[in-house]
N, C-alpha and C. Protein backbone atom coordinates (compact mmCIF):
# COMPACT_ATOMS: atom_id res chain seq x y z
N MET A 1 9.76 -1.35 -16.82
CA MET A 1 9.58 -0.15 -16.31
C MET A 1 9.42 0.97 -17.02
N ARG A 2 10.08 1.13 -17.86
CA ARG A 2 9.84 2.06 -18.84
C ARG A 2 9.33 2.34 -19.56
N ARG A 3 8.29 0.97 -19.94
CA ARG A 3 6.84 1.42 -20.72
C ARG A 3 5.76 2.23 -19.88
N LEU A 4 5.31 3.06 -20.63
CA LEU A 4 3.98 3.84 -19.98
C LEU A 4 4.66 4.61 -18.84
N PHE A 5 6.07 4.82 -18.48
CA PHE A 5 6.68 5.54 -17.34
C PHE A 5 5.86 6.53 -16.52
N LEU A 6 6.04 7.38 -17.15
CA LEU A 6 5.47 8.44 -16.81
C LEU A 6 3.76 8.56 -16.15
N LEU A 7 3.35 7.66 -17.00
CA LEU A 7 1.89 7.66 -16.98
C LEU A 7 1.52 6.81 -15.42
N LYS A 8 2.38 5.70 -15.15
CA LYS A 8 2.66 5.04 -14.34
C LYS A 8 3.19 5.64 -13.02
N LEU A 9 3.90 6.53 -13.19
CA LEU A 9 4.51 7.49 -12.09
C LEU A 9 3.49 8.21 -11.27
N PHE A 10 2.93 8.83 -12.34
CA PHE A 10 1.79 10.23 -12.01
C PHE A 10 0.74 9.34 -11.45
N GLY A 11 0.17 8.42 -12.35
CA GLY A 11 -1.19 7.57 -12.12
C GLY A 11 -0.83 7.21 -10.62
N ILE A 12 0.39 6.08 -10.28
CA ILE A 12 0.16 5.78 -9.04
C ILE A 12 -0.40 6.57 -8.01
N THR A 13 1.03 7.72 -8.50
CA THR A 13 0.85 9.19 -7.16
C THR A 13 -0.64 9.58 -6.90
N ALA A 14 -1.28 9.74 -7.81
CA ALA A 14 -2.55 10.38 -7.75
C ALA A 14 -3.60 9.56 -7.08
N VAL A 15 -3.68 8.04 -7.72
CA VAL A 15 -4.13 7.25 -7.01
C VAL A 15 -3.82 7.20 -5.24
N ILE A 16 -2.47 6.98 -5.00
CA ILE A 16 -2.40 7.00 -3.61
C ILE A 16 -2.63 7.99 -2.87
N THR A 17 -2.82 9.59 -3.79
CA THR A 17 -2.83 10.82 -2.77
C THR A 17 -4.58 10.49 -2.61
N LEU A 18 -5.52 10.73 -3.62
CA LEU A 18 -6.59 10.79 -3.40
C LEU A 18 -7.34 9.62 -2.66
N PHE A 19 -6.42 8.36 -1.91
CA PHE A 19 -6.81 7.79 -1.16
C PHE A 19 -6.82 8.24 0.03
N PHE A 20 -5.73 8.63 0.51
CA PHE A 20 -5.09 9.44 1.51
C PHE A 20 -5.82 9.88 2.07
N MET A 21 -6.21 10.98 0.97
CA MET A 21 -7.29 12.13 1.28
C MET A 21 -8.42 11.85 1.57
N GLY A 22 -9.36 10.54 0.94
CA GLY A 22 -10.49 10.15 1.84
C GLY A 22 -10.57 9.31 2.89
N TYR A 23 -9.17 8.73 3.59
CA TYR A 23 -8.78 7.81 4.50
C TYR A 23 -8.45 9.02 5.55
N PHE A 24 -7.71 9.86 5.50
CA PHE A 24 -7.65 11.07 6.66
C PHE A 24 -9.21 11.13 7.23
N HIS A 25 -9.94 11.87 6.24
CA HIS A 25 -11.08 12.58 6.43
C HIS A 25 -12.05 11.69 7.02
N VAL A 26 -12.26 10.34 6.64
CA VAL A 26 -12.64 9.21 7.18
C VAL A 26 -12.75 9.11 9.29
N LEU A 27 -10.97 9.24 8.54
CA LEU A 27 -10.47 8.80 10.18
C LEU A 27 -10.46 9.59 11.46
N ARG A 28 -10.63 11.49 10.71
CA ARG A 28 -10.55 11.96 11.53
C ARG A 28 -12.35 12.62 11.48
N HIS A 29 -13.10 12.45 10.91
CA HIS A 29 -14.16 13.06 11.00
C HIS A 29 -14.95 11.73 10.95
N PRO A 30 -15.63 11.01 12.10
CA PRO A 30 -15.66 9.66 12.15
C PRO A 30 -17.29 9.93 12.16
N VAL A 31 -18.10 9.37 11.81
CA VAL A 31 -19.79 9.77 11.97
C VAL A 31 -20.64 8.87 12.64
N TYR A 32 -19.42 7.70 13.06
CA TYR A 32 -20.70 6.88 14.16
C TYR A 32 -19.58 6.35 14.86
N PRO A 33 -20.14 6.14 16.73
CA PRO A 33 -19.09 6.00 17.22
C PRO A 33 -17.70 4.42 17.06
N VAL A 34 -16.92 4.94 17.56
CA VAL A 34 -15.32 4.25 16.90
C VAL A 34 -15.41 2.82 17.73
N ALA A 35 -15.50 1.85 17.41
CA ALA A 35 -15.50 0.21 18.09
C ALA A 35 -13.67 0.30 18.17
N VAL A 36 -13.50 -0.49 19.49
CA VAL A 36 -12.13 -0.72 19.93
C VAL A 36 -12.06 -2.25 19.41
N MET A 37 -11.13 -2.56 18.51
CA MET A 37 -11.09 -3.74 18.16
C MET A 37 -10.50 -5.03 19.36
N PRO A 38 -11.19 -6.11 19.49
CA PRO A 38 -10.75 -6.57 20.54
C PRO A 38 -9.36 -7.49 20.22
N LEU A 39 -8.58 -7.70 21.49
CA LEU A 39 -7.41 -8.73 21.10
C LEU A 39 -7.57 -10.07 21.31
N THR A 40 -6.32 -10.64 20.49
CA THR A 40 -7.22 -12.23 20.80
C THR A 40 -5.48 -12.70 21.46
N ALA A 41 -5.91 -14.11 21.86
CA ALA A 41 -4.28 -14.94 22.27
C ALA A 41 -3.23 -14.81 21.34
N LEU A 42 -3.34 -14.52 20.02
CA LEU A 42 -2.33 -14.52 18.83
C LEU A 42 -1.82 -12.90 19.19
N ASP A 43 -2.63 -12.13 19.44
CA ASP A 43 -1.56 -11.12 20.12
C ASP A 43 -0.39 -10.51 20.81
N ALA A 44 -0.78 -11.58 21.87
CA ALA A 44 0.05 -11.70 23.16
C ALA A 44 1.16 -12.65 22.66
N LEU A 45 1.33 -13.18 21.38
CA LEU A 45 2.41 -13.65 20.86
C LEU A 45 3.40 -13.25 20.16
N VAL A 46 2.72 -11.88 19.84
CA VAL A 46 4.04 -10.87 18.77
C VAL A 46 4.10 -10.00 19.68
N PRO A 47 5.87 -10.10 19.95
CA PRO A 47 6.09 -9.11 20.45
C PRO A 47 6.61 -7.57 19.83
N PHE A 48 6.55 -6.75 20.56
CA PHE A 48 6.53 -5.33 19.84
C PHE A 48 7.70 -5.39 19.49
N GLN A 49 8.40 -5.06 17.91
CA GLN A 49 9.45 -4.81 17.71
C GLN A 49 9.67 -3.28 16.70
N PRO A 50 10.36 -2.46 17.35
CA PRO A 50 10.19 -1.29 16.68
C PRO A 50 10.73 -1.16 15.49
N SER A 51 11.68 -2.33 15.16
CA SER A 51 13.04 -2.10 13.88
C SER A 51 11.81 -2.82 12.96
N MET A 52 10.58 -3.37 13.04
CA MET A 52 9.72 -3.54 12.12
C MET A 52 8.65 -2.42 11.42
N LEU A 53 9.29 -1.49 12.11
CA LEU A 53 8.84 -0.07 11.47
C LEU A 53 9.41 0.08 9.81
N VAL A 54 10.21 -0.24 9.57
CA VAL A 54 10.67 -0.12 8.28
C VAL A 54 10.31 -0.90 7.30
N PRO A 55 10.29 -2.51 7.09
CA PRO A 55 8.87 -3.00 6.38
C PRO A 55 7.59 -3.07 6.32
N TYR A 56 7.04 -1.75 7.64
CA TYR A 56 5.84 -1.43 7.93
C TYR A 56 6.09 -0.07 6.56
N LEU A 57 6.78 0.88 6.47
CA LEU A 57 6.98 2.01 5.80
C LEU A 57 6.68 1.43 3.91
N SER A 58 7.51 0.17 4.18
CA SER A 58 8.09 0.07 2.74
C SER A 58 7.06 -0.53 1.93
N LEU A 59 5.44 -0.64 2.29
CA LEU A 59 4.62 -0.87 1.69
C LEU A 59 4.50 0.18 0.72
N TRP A 60 4.85 1.43 0.67
CA TRP A 60 4.66 2.19 0.40
C TRP A 60 5.41 2.41 -1.39
N PHE A 61 6.37 1.62 -1.19
CA PHE A 61 7.26 1.74 -2.48
C PHE A 61 6.90 0.13 -3.14
N TYR A 62 6.63 -1.07 -2.35
CA TYR A 62 6.19 -2.26 -2.51
C TYR A 62 4.89 -2.13 -3.38
N VAL A 63 3.84 -1.27 -2.89
CA VAL A 63 2.67 -0.85 -3.79
C VAL A 63 2.95 -0.80 -5.28
N GLY A 64 4.14 0.05 -5.60
CA GLY A 64 4.23 0.83 -6.65
C GLY A 64 4.88 -0.37 -7.65
N LEU A 65 5.54 -1.59 -7.08
CA LEU A 65 5.88 -2.69 -8.14
C LEU A 65 5.44 -3.19 -9.08
N ALA A 66 4.47 -3.65 -8.72
CA ALA A 66 2.82 -4.16 -9.89
C ALA A 66 2.77 -3.74 -10.83
N PRO A 67 2.34 -2.26 -10.51
CA PRO A 67 1.59 -1.58 -11.64
C PRO A 67 2.88 -0.90 -12.45
N GLY A 68 3.82 -0.61 -11.34
CA GLY A 68 4.52 -0.60 -12.46
C GLY A 68 5.62 -1.19 -13.36
N LEU A 69 5.42 -2.98 -13.58
CA LEU A 69 5.26 -3.61 -13.93
C LEU A 69 4.52 -4.05 -15.08
N GLN A 70 3.45 -3.31 -15.18
CA GLN A 70 2.72 -4.03 -16.46
C GLN A 70 3.35 -3.33 -17.56
N LEU A 71 2.73 -4.17 -18.76
CA LEU A 71 2.85 -3.40 -19.93
C LEU A 71 2.80 -3.10 -20.69
N THR A 72 1.12 -3.12 -20.75
CA THR A 72 0.37 -2.68 -21.94
C THR A 72 -0.12 -1.82 -20.90
N ILE A 73 -1.24 -0.61 -22.03
CA ILE A 73 -2.13 0.17 -21.41
C ILE A 73 -2.95 -0.64 -20.54
N ARG A 74 -3.72 -1.68 -21.25
CA ARG A 74 -4.81 -2.38 -21.07
C ARG A 74 -4.42 -3.10 -19.63
N GLN A 75 -3.52 -3.69 -19.28
CA GLN A 75 -3.02 -4.27 -17.85
C GLN A 75 -3.26 -3.11 -16.98
N LEU A 76 -2.61 -1.78 -17.13
CA LEU A 76 -2.12 -1.14 -16.22
C LEU A 76 -3.96 -0.47 -15.94
N LEU A 77 -4.59 -0.39 -16.87
CA LEU A 77 -6.12 0.40 -16.49
C LEU A 77 -6.77 -0.81 -15.66
N THR A 78 -6.38 -1.81 -16.05
CA THR A 78 -7.06 -3.01 -15.51
C THR A 78 -6.60 -3.36 -14.02
N TYR A 79 -5.72 -3.13 -13.68
CA TYR A 79 -4.92 -2.96 -12.67
C TYR A 79 -5.33 -1.22 -11.32
N ALA A 80 -5.66 -0.65 -12.22
CA ALA A 80 -6.29 0.83 -11.57
C ALA A 80 -7.49 0.30 -10.98
N VAL A 81 -8.45 0.11 -11.93
CA VAL A 81 -9.80 -0.04 -11.63
C VAL A 81 -9.83 -1.05 -10.36
N TRP A 82 -9.39 -2.13 -10.64
CA TRP A 82 -9.64 -3.00 -8.99
C TRP A 82 -8.36 -2.26 -7.68
N ALA A 83 -7.87 -1.74 -8.04
CA ALA A 83 -7.13 -1.24 -6.56
C ALA A 83 -7.83 -0.27 -6.66
N THR A 84 -8.72 0.66 -7.49
CA THR A 84 -9.45 1.57 -6.80
C THR A 84 -10.87 1.00 -6.54
N GLY A 85 -11.13 -0.13 -6.79
CA GLY A 85 -12.29 -1.13 -5.97
C GLY A 85 -11.97 -1.30 -4.80
N LEU A 86 -10.36 -1.47 -4.55
CA LEU A 86 -10.28 -2.08 -3.47
C LEU A 86 -10.26 -0.94 -2.23
N CYS A 87 -9.65 0.27 -2.93
CA CYS A 87 -9.82 1.27 -2.13
C CYS A 87 -11.32 1.95 -1.57
N LEU A 88 -11.86 2.46 -2.37
CA LEU A 88 -13.58 2.68 -2.16
C LEU A 88 -13.89 1.57 -0.76
N THR A 89 -13.90 0.13 -1.38
CA THR A 89 -14.75 -0.43 -0.40
C THR A 89 -13.59 -0.78 1.47
N GLY A 90 -12.64 -0.58 1.16
CA GLY A 90 -11.71 -0.33 2.42
C GLY A 90 -12.58 0.79 3.10
N LEU A 91 -12.47 2.08 2.47
CA LEU A 91 -12.89 3.29 2.83
C LEU A 91 -14.95 3.52 3.17
N GLY A 92 -15.22 2.44 2.52
CA GLY A 92 -16.74 2.39 2.57
C GLY A 92 -17.08 1.86 4.04
N VAL A 93 -16.18 0.96 4.21
CA VAL A 93 -16.29 -0.11 5.63
C VAL A 93 -15.82 0.91 6.64
N PHE A 94 -14.79 1.70 6.60
CA PHE A 94 -14.60 2.88 7.71
C PHE A 94 -15.41 4.11 7.73
N TYR A 95 -15.85 4.10 7.10
CA TYR A 95 -17.38 5.15 6.92
C TYR A 95 -18.50 4.43 7.75
N LEU A 96 -18.75 3.37 7.54
CA LEU A 96 -19.89 2.67 8.29
C LEU A 96 -19.54 2.10 9.45
N TRP A 97 -18.43 1.69 9.56
CA TRP A 97 -17.78 1.34 10.93
C TRP A 97 -16.48 1.54 11.45
N PRO A 98 -16.19 2.53 12.16
CA PRO A 98 -15.39 3.39 12.35
C PRO A 98 -14.60 2.36 13.58
N THR A 99 -13.44 1.75 13.35
CA THR A 99 -12.60 0.86 14.58
C THR A 99 -10.84 1.46 14.64
N ALA A 100 -10.56 1.26 15.88
CA ALA A 100 -9.05 1.40 16.52
C ALA A 100 -8.83 0.35 17.19
N VAL A 101 -7.52 0.35 17.43
CA VAL A 101 -6.84 -0.50 18.11
C VAL A 101 -6.74 -0.32 19.46
N PRO A 102 -6.58 -1.10 20.56
CA PRO A 102 -6.23 -0.52 21.95
C PRO A 102 -5.48 0.47 22.44
N PRO A 103 -5.20 0.80 23.31
CA PRO A 103 -4.06 1.93 23.87
C PRO A 103 -3.05 1.17 23.97
N LEU A 104 -1.99 1.84 23.40
CA LEU A 104 -0.77 0.83 23.67
C LEU A 104 -0.14 0.84 24.78
N THR A 105 0.57 0.03 25.38
CA THR A 105 0.73 -0.41 26.84
C THR A 105 2.52 -0.49 26.67
N VAL A 106 3.29 0.18 25.58
CA VAL A 106 4.95 0.66 25.69
C VAL A 106 4.63 1.86 25.42
N GLY A 107 5.54 2.53 25.60
CA GLY A 107 5.91 3.61 25.27
C GLY A 107 6.67 3.52 23.99
N VAL A 108 6.24 4.96 22.63
CA VAL A 108 7.18 4.94 21.66
C VAL A 108 7.84 6.14 21.53
N THR A 109 7.88 7.08 22.38
CA THR A 109 8.61 8.16 22.27
C THR A 109 9.93 8.24 22.07
N ASP A 110 10.73 6.99 22.43
CA ASP A 110 11.97 6.95 22.14
C ASP A 110 12.29 6.29 21.06
N TRP A 111 11.63 6.14 19.97
CA TRP A 111 11.77 5.44 18.56
C TRP A 111 11.69 6.22 17.70
N THR A 112 12.40 6.44 17.12
CA THR A 112 12.26 7.70 15.69
C THR A 112 11.24 6.99 14.65
N GLY A 113 10.69 7.88 14.46
CA GLY A 113 9.36 7.55 13.26
C GLY A 113 7.98 7.28 14.14
N PHE A 114 7.95 6.90 15.40
CA PHE A 114 6.68 6.16 15.87
C PHE A 114 5.51 7.43 16.23
N GLU A 115 6.31 8.80 16.87
CA GLU A 115 5.36 9.71 16.93
C GLU A 115 4.91 10.00 15.88
N MET A 116 5.84 10.08 14.66
CA MET A 116 4.69 10.89 13.37
C MET A 116 3.76 9.86 13.06
N LEU A 117 4.52 8.75 12.98
CA LEU A 117 2.94 7.64 12.37
C LEU A 117 1.99 7.83 13.25
N ARG A 118 2.06 7.84 14.63
CA ARG A 118 1.01 7.87 15.44
C ARG A 118 0.13 9.23 15.43
N GLY A 119 0.64 9.82 15.11
CA GLY A 119 0.31 11.46 14.59
C GLY A 119 -0.58 11.88 13.46
N LEU A 120 -0.12 10.67 12.55
CA LEU A 120 -0.88 10.64 11.49
C LEU A 120 -2.25 9.72 11.46
N ASP A 121 -1.96 8.50 11.87
CA ASP A 121 -2.23 7.27 11.82
C ASP A 121 -3.77 7.49 13.06
N ALA A 122 -2.89 7.87 13.98
CA ALA A 122 -3.92 7.55 15.00
C ALA A 122 -3.95 6.35 15.49
N SER A 123 -3.77 5.15 15.17
CA SER A 123 -4.24 3.87 15.36
C SER A 123 -5.81 3.80 15.01
N GLY A 124 -6.38 4.41 14.12
CA GLY A 124 -7.57 4.26 13.38
C GLY A 124 -8.22 3.68 12.25
N ASN A 125 -9.34 3.51 11.58
CA ASN A 125 -9.47 2.98 10.43
C ASN A 125 -8.93 1.64 10.46
N ALA A 126 -8.95 0.67 11.59
CA ALA A 126 -8.40 -0.65 12.42
C ALA A 126 -8.72 -1.66 10.63
N CYS A 127 -10.04 -1.92 11.06
CA CYS A 127 -10.39 -3.26 10.67
C CYS A 127 -11.25 -3.25 8.87
N PRO A 128 -11.25 -3.63 8.06
CA PRO A 128 -9.59 -4.16 7.79
C PRO A 128 -8.06 -3.45 7.36
N SER A 129 -7.17 -3.86 7.78
CA SER A 129 -6.08 -3.51 7.27
C SER A 129 -5.94 -2.65 6.03
N MET A 130 -6.35 -2.22 5.74
CA MET A 130 -5.81 -1.41 4.15
C MET A 130 -4.44 -1.91 4.01
N HIS A 131 -3.56 -1.62 5.13
CA HIS A 131 -2.20 -1.81 5.20
C HIS A 131 -1.65 -3.46 4.44
N VAL A 132 -2.43 -4.07 5.00
CA VAL A 132 -2.72 -5.45 4.49
C VAL A 132 -3.34 -6.00 3.26
N ALA A 133 -4.31 -5.38 3.02
CA ALA A 133 -5.20 -5.68 1.86
C ALA A 133 -3.98 -5.31 1.13
N PHE A 134 -3.58 -4.28 0.71
CA PHE A 134 -2.68 -3.67 -0.37
C PHE A 134 -1.49 -4.41 -0.73
N ALA A 135 -0.62 -4.81 0.34
CA ALA A 135 0.08 -5.52 0.30
C ALA A 135 -0.42 -7.18 -0.26
N VAL A 136 -1.64 -7.95 0.55
CA VAL A 136 -2.15 -8.61 -0.39
C VAL A 136 -2.20 -8.82 -1.85
N PHE A 137 -2.81 -8.04 -2.22
CA PHE A 137 -3.31 -7.29 -3.35
C PHE A 137 -1.95 -7.27 -4.33
N SER A 138 -1.15 -6.76 -3.79
CA SER A 138 0.35 -6.30 -4.79
C SER A 138 0.53 -7.89 -5.04
N ALA A 139 1.09 -8.82 -3.81
CA ALA A 139 1.40 -9.43 -4.07
C ALA A 139 1.01 -10.33 -5.01
N PHE A 140 -0.16 -10.54 -5.17
CA PHE A 140 -0.63 -11.26 -6.16
C PHE A 140 -0.36 -11.01 -7.57
N TRP A 141 -0.76 -9.36 -7.86
CA TRP A 141 -0.40 -8.95 -9.12
C TRP A 141 1.34 -9.19 -9.38
N LEU A 142 1.80 -9.13 -8.66
CA LEU A 142 3.26 -9.06 -8.63
C LEU A 142 3.94 -10.60 -9.04
N ALA A 143 3.13 -11.37 -8.24
CA ALA A 143 3.24 -12.67 -8.60
C ALA A 143 3.33 -13.39 -10.07
N GLN A 144 2.12 -12.58 -10.31
CA GLN A 144 1.55 -13.10 -11.69
C GLN A 144 2.66 -12.66 -12.57
N VAL A 145 3.22 -11.18 -12.66
CA VAL A 145 4.36 -10.84 -13.35
C VAL A 145 5.83 -11.68 -13.51
N LEU A 146 5.90 -11.92 -12.37
CA LEU A 146 7.04 -13.07 -11.96
C LEU A 146 6.89 -13.70 -13.12
N ARG A 147 5.80 -14.93 -12.72
CA ARG A 147 5.52 -16.31 -13.15
C ARG A 147 5.58 -16.09 -14.71
N SER A 148 4.84 -14.85 -15.31
CA SER A 148 5.04 -14.34 -16.57
C SER A 148 6.33 -14.56 -17.70
N ALA A 149 7.04 -13.46 -16.62
CA ALA A 149 8.16 -12.96 -17.24
C ALA A 149 9.74 -14.58 -16.87
N ARG A 150 8.99 -15.39 -16.19
CA ARG A 150 9.91 -16.31 -15.91
C ARG A 150 11.01 -16.19 -14.63
N VAL A 151 11.38 -15.41 -14.62
CA VAL A 151 12.17 -14.99 -13.07
C VAL A 151 12.92 -16.10 -12.69
N PRO A 152 14.01 -16.37 -12.55
CA PRO A 152 14.18 -17.50 -11.13
C PRO A 152 13.44 -16.88 -9.75
N ALA A 153 13.38 -18.61 -9.77
CA ALA A 153 12.53 -18.57 -8.15
C ALA A 153 12.85 -17.45 -7.17
N GLY A 154 13.95 -17.43 -7.02
CA GLY A 154 14.31 -16.32 -5.91
C GLY A 154 13.65 -15.00 -5.73
N LEU A 155 13.55 -14.61 -6.75
CA LEU A 155 12.13 -13.65 -6.82
C LEU A 155 11.45 -13.45 -6.34
N ARG A 156 10.74 -14.70 -6.99
CA ARG A 156 9.63 -15.57 -6.34
C ARG A 156 9.13 -15.46 -4.69
N ILE A 157 10.20 -15.61 -4.19
CA ILE A 157 10.25 -15.93 -2.74
C ILE A 157 10.66 -14.67 -2.00
N LEU A 158 11.39 -13.71 -2.63
CA LEU A 158 11.54 -12.70 -2.46
C LEU A 158 10.36 -11.76 -2.02
N ASN A 159 9.14 -12.42 -3.19
CA ASN A 159 7.87 -11.41 -2.67
C ASN A 159 7.41 -11.53 -2.21
N LEU A 160 7.04 -13.25 -1.43
CA LEU A 160 6.31 -13.80 -0.59
C LEU A 160 7.24 -12.89 0.57
N ALA A 161 8.49 -13.07 0.88
CA ALA A 161 9.00 -12.95 2.11
C ALA A 161 8.47 -11.07 2.35
N TRP A 162 9.03 -10.68 1.42
CA TRP A 162 8.03 -8.99 1.71
C TRP A 162 6.80 -8.92 1.83
N LEU A 163 6.05 -9.58 1.49
CA LEU A 163 4.32 -9.68 2.11
C LEU A 163 4.51 -9.87 3.12
N LEU A 164 5.44 -10.85 3.86
CA LEU A 164 4.92 -11.36 5.04
C LEU A 164 5.51 -10.57 6.15
N ALA A 165 6.80 -10.04 5.66
CA ALA A 165 7.14 -8.69 6.93
C ALA A 165 6.56 -7.51 6.78
N ILE A 166 5.90 -7.28 5.73
CA ILE A 166 4.95 -6.26 5.95
C ILE A 166 3.65 -6.56 6.55
N THR A 167 3.11 -7.79 6.51
CA THR A 167 2.02 -8.22 7.30
C THR A 167 2.75 -8.18 8.82
N TRP A 168 3.57 -9.13 9.23
CA TRP A 168 3.77 -9.01 10.36
C TRP A 168 4.40 -7.74 11.11
N SER A 169 4.98 -6.67 10.43
CA SER A 169 4.64 -5.13 10.84
C SER A 169 3.53 -5.40 11.47
N THR A 170 3.00 -4.97 10.80
CA THR A 170 1.79 -3.97 11.35
C THR A 170 1.20 -4.76 12.84
N VAL A 171 1.04 -5.77 13.24
CA VAL A 171 1.31 -6.12 14.43
C VAL A 171 2.29 -5.91 15.65
N ALA A 172 3.36 -6.32 14.81
CA ALA A 172 4.67 -6.07 15.96
C ALA A 172 4.97 -4.60 16.14
N ILE A 173 4.30 -3.74 15.15
CA ILE A 173 4.64 -2.17 15.81
C ILE A 173 3.05 -1.77 16.32
N ARG A 174 2.11 -2.61 16.71
CA ARG A 174 1.17 -2.35 17.28
C ARG A 174 0.62 -1.50 16.53
N GLN A 175 0.21 -1.44 15.20
CA GLN A 175 -0.41 -0.74 14.25
C GLN A 175 -1.68 -1.35 14.24
N HIS A 176 -2.16 -2.50 14.20
CA HIS A 176 -2.78 -3.14 14.09
C HIS A 176 -2.79 -4.58 14.68
N VAL A 177 -4.57 -5.11 15.24
CA VAL A 177 -4.54 -6.58 16.08
C VAL A 177 -4.43 -7.78 14.67
N VAL A 178 -4.37 -8.73 14.98
CA VAL A 178 -4.57 -9.90 14.82
C VAL A 178 -5.90 -10.08 13.80
N LEU A 179 -6.95 -9.63 14.64
CA LEU A 179 -8.28 -9.56 13.63
C LEU A 179 -8.26 -8.83 12.31
N ASP A 180 -7.36 -7.42 12.60
CA ASP A 180 -7.30 -6.66 11.30
C ASP A 180 -6.80 -7.52 10.37
N VAL A 181 -5.87 -7.53 10.55
CA VAL A 181 -4.49 -8.03 9.52
C VAL A 181 -5.34 -9.55 8.67
N VAL A 182 -6.43 -10.65 9.28
CA VAL A 182 -6.78 -11.31 8.82
C VAL A 182 -7.93 -10.85 8.06
N ALA A 183 -8.65 -9.98 8.44
CA ALA A 183 -9.64 -9.08 7.48
C ALA A 183 -9.21 -8.64 6.40
N GLY A 184 -8.02 -7.91 6.57
CA GLY A 184 -7.20 -7.02 5.26
C GLY A 184 -6.99 -8.11 4.43
N ALA A 185 -6.13 -9.37 4.91
CA ALA A 185 -5.58 -10.04 3.79
C ALA A 185 -6.58 -10.87 3.19
N LEU A 186 -8.18 -10.99 4.10
CA LEU A 186 -9.04 -11.72 3.03
C LEU A 186 -9.54 -10.72 2.24
N LEU A 187 -10.00 -9.37 2.17
CA LEU A 187 -10.20 -8.30 1.34
C LEU A 187 -8.84 -8.40 0.10
N GLY A 188 -7.91 -8.11 0.57
CA GLY A 188 -7.25 -8.00 -0.93
C GLY A 188 -6.57 -9.25 -1.69
N ALA A 189 -6.94 -10.58 -0.91
CA ALA A 189 -7.09 -11.78 -1.43
C ALA A 189 -8.47 -11.75 -2.44
N MET A 190 -9.19 -11.55 -1.93
CA MET A 190 -10.75 -11.56 -2.95
C MET A 190 -10.58 -10.69 -3.88
N PHE A 191 -9.84 -9.10 -3.81
CA PHE A 191 -10.19 -8.00 -5.06
C PHE A 191 -9.19 -9.08 -6.16
N ALA A 192 -7.69 -9.54 -5.49
CA ALA A 192 -6.66 -10.21 -6.12
C ALA A 192 -6.88 -11.19 -7.18
N TRP A 193 -8.15 -12.24 -6.47
CA TRP A 193 -8.47 -13.01 -7.50
C TRP A 193 -9.27 -12.60 -8.24
N LEU A 194 -10.35 -11.66 -7.75
CA LEU A 194 -11.35 -11.34 -8.73
C LEU A 194 -10.54 -10.73 -10.21
N SER A 195 -9.68 -9.57 -9.53
CA SER A 195 -9.23 -8.81 -10.73
C SER A 195 -8.09 -9.85 -11.60
N LEU A 196 -7.68 -11.18 -11.23
CA LEU A 196 -6.61 -12.03 -11.97
C LEU A 196 -7.54 -12.86 -13.38
N ARG A 197 -8.68 -13.27 -12.70
CA ARG A 197 -10.00 -13.87 -13.39
C ARG A 197 -10.44 -13.37 -14.35
N TRP A 198 -11.37 -12.29 -13.98
CA TRP A 198 -11.53 -10.91 -14.90
C TRP A 198 -11.03 -9.88 -15.84
N ARG A 199 -10.23 -10.17 -16.45
CA ARG A 199 -9.41 -9.18 -17.06
C ARG A 199 -8.90 -9.68 -18.23
N PRO A 200 -8.75 -8.83 -19.01
CA PRO A 200 -8.00 -8.98 -21.05
C PRO A 200 -7.10 -9.80 -20.72
N ASP A 201 -6.66 -10.59 -22.11
CA ASP A 201 -5.68 -10.72 -22.39
C ASP A 201 -4.81 -9.77 -22.76
N ASP A 202 -3.58 -10.38 -22.42
CA ASP A 202 -2.21 -9.04 -22.27
C ASP A 202 -1.27 -9.68 -23.47
N ASP A 203 -0.53 -8.33 -23.46
CA ASP A 203 0.94 -8.87 -24.24
C ASP A 203 1.71 -9.69 -23.76
N PHE A 204 1.73 -10.29 -22.10
CA PHE A 204 2.40 -10.95 -21.98
C PHE A 204 2.27 -12.76 -22.82
N GLY A 205 0.82 -12.90 -22.99
CA GLY A 205 0.58 -14.22 -23.83
C GLY A 205 -0.36 -14.69 -22.71
N TYR A 206 -0.43 -14.59 -21.01
CA TYR A 206 -1.06 -15.54 -20.27
C TYR A 206 -2.69 -15.41 -20.15
N SER A 207 -3.33 -16.24 -20.11
CA SER A 207 -4.95 -16.37 -20.04
C SER A 207 -5.69 -15.33 -19.46
N ALA A 208 -6.94 -15.25 -19.66
CA ALA A 208 -7.60 -14.39 -18.87
C ALA A 208 -7.58 -14.51 -17.60
N GLY A 209 -7.63 -16.18 -17.22
CA GLY A 209 -7.50 -16.96 -15.92
C GLY A 209 -6.47 -17.01 -15.49
N PRO A 210 -6.59 -16.85 -13.97
CA PRO A 210 -5.16 -17.33 -13.18
C PRO A 210 -4.50 -18.67 -13.58
N ARG A 211 -3.33 -18.92 -13.25
CA ARG A 211 -2.66 -19.85 -13.45
C ARG A 211 -2.47 -20.52 -11.98
């Protein structure tokens, strides 16, 4: 974590800031009609869980772990290039196909944080869920670091559990529907697989292909 700390700190902050600038611009100024995502039978099986707002918001700490643990400048730049590609792809989809989730059927005014979240995100830019896409992308990269560092299995399980909690939370707080989550997971997994397959060797000693 101490290696290239300032570069990581300001670099991660800058990328997230630029992404949100593009995200909110597309969200608030759609150039095409906004399509409402359909509900599936699986959506009805997920109860509304206000407490899941905590893991939902934890994504913005979680996404900093993988780049924060990169050892070399080459690793960090490789991660940054692919993460930027993921951002631009998501924004491109939102620009060409703006989507939103169906209106809430439950009141959220009594729950701390929900009014602010709804005011910012407005339940738009729904599919694919970039929340899930970034979580999956981060989980793959973090798993690679944990394997290379030969950490105890408990930390690898924690990584998976954190990913699942974030993914579940997007539907549990009604910020996304199941189709958004599936699309986001596929997008994040695709970029993660490509980024871990085509990258330079690094000082951890693992090969250019995934294990």
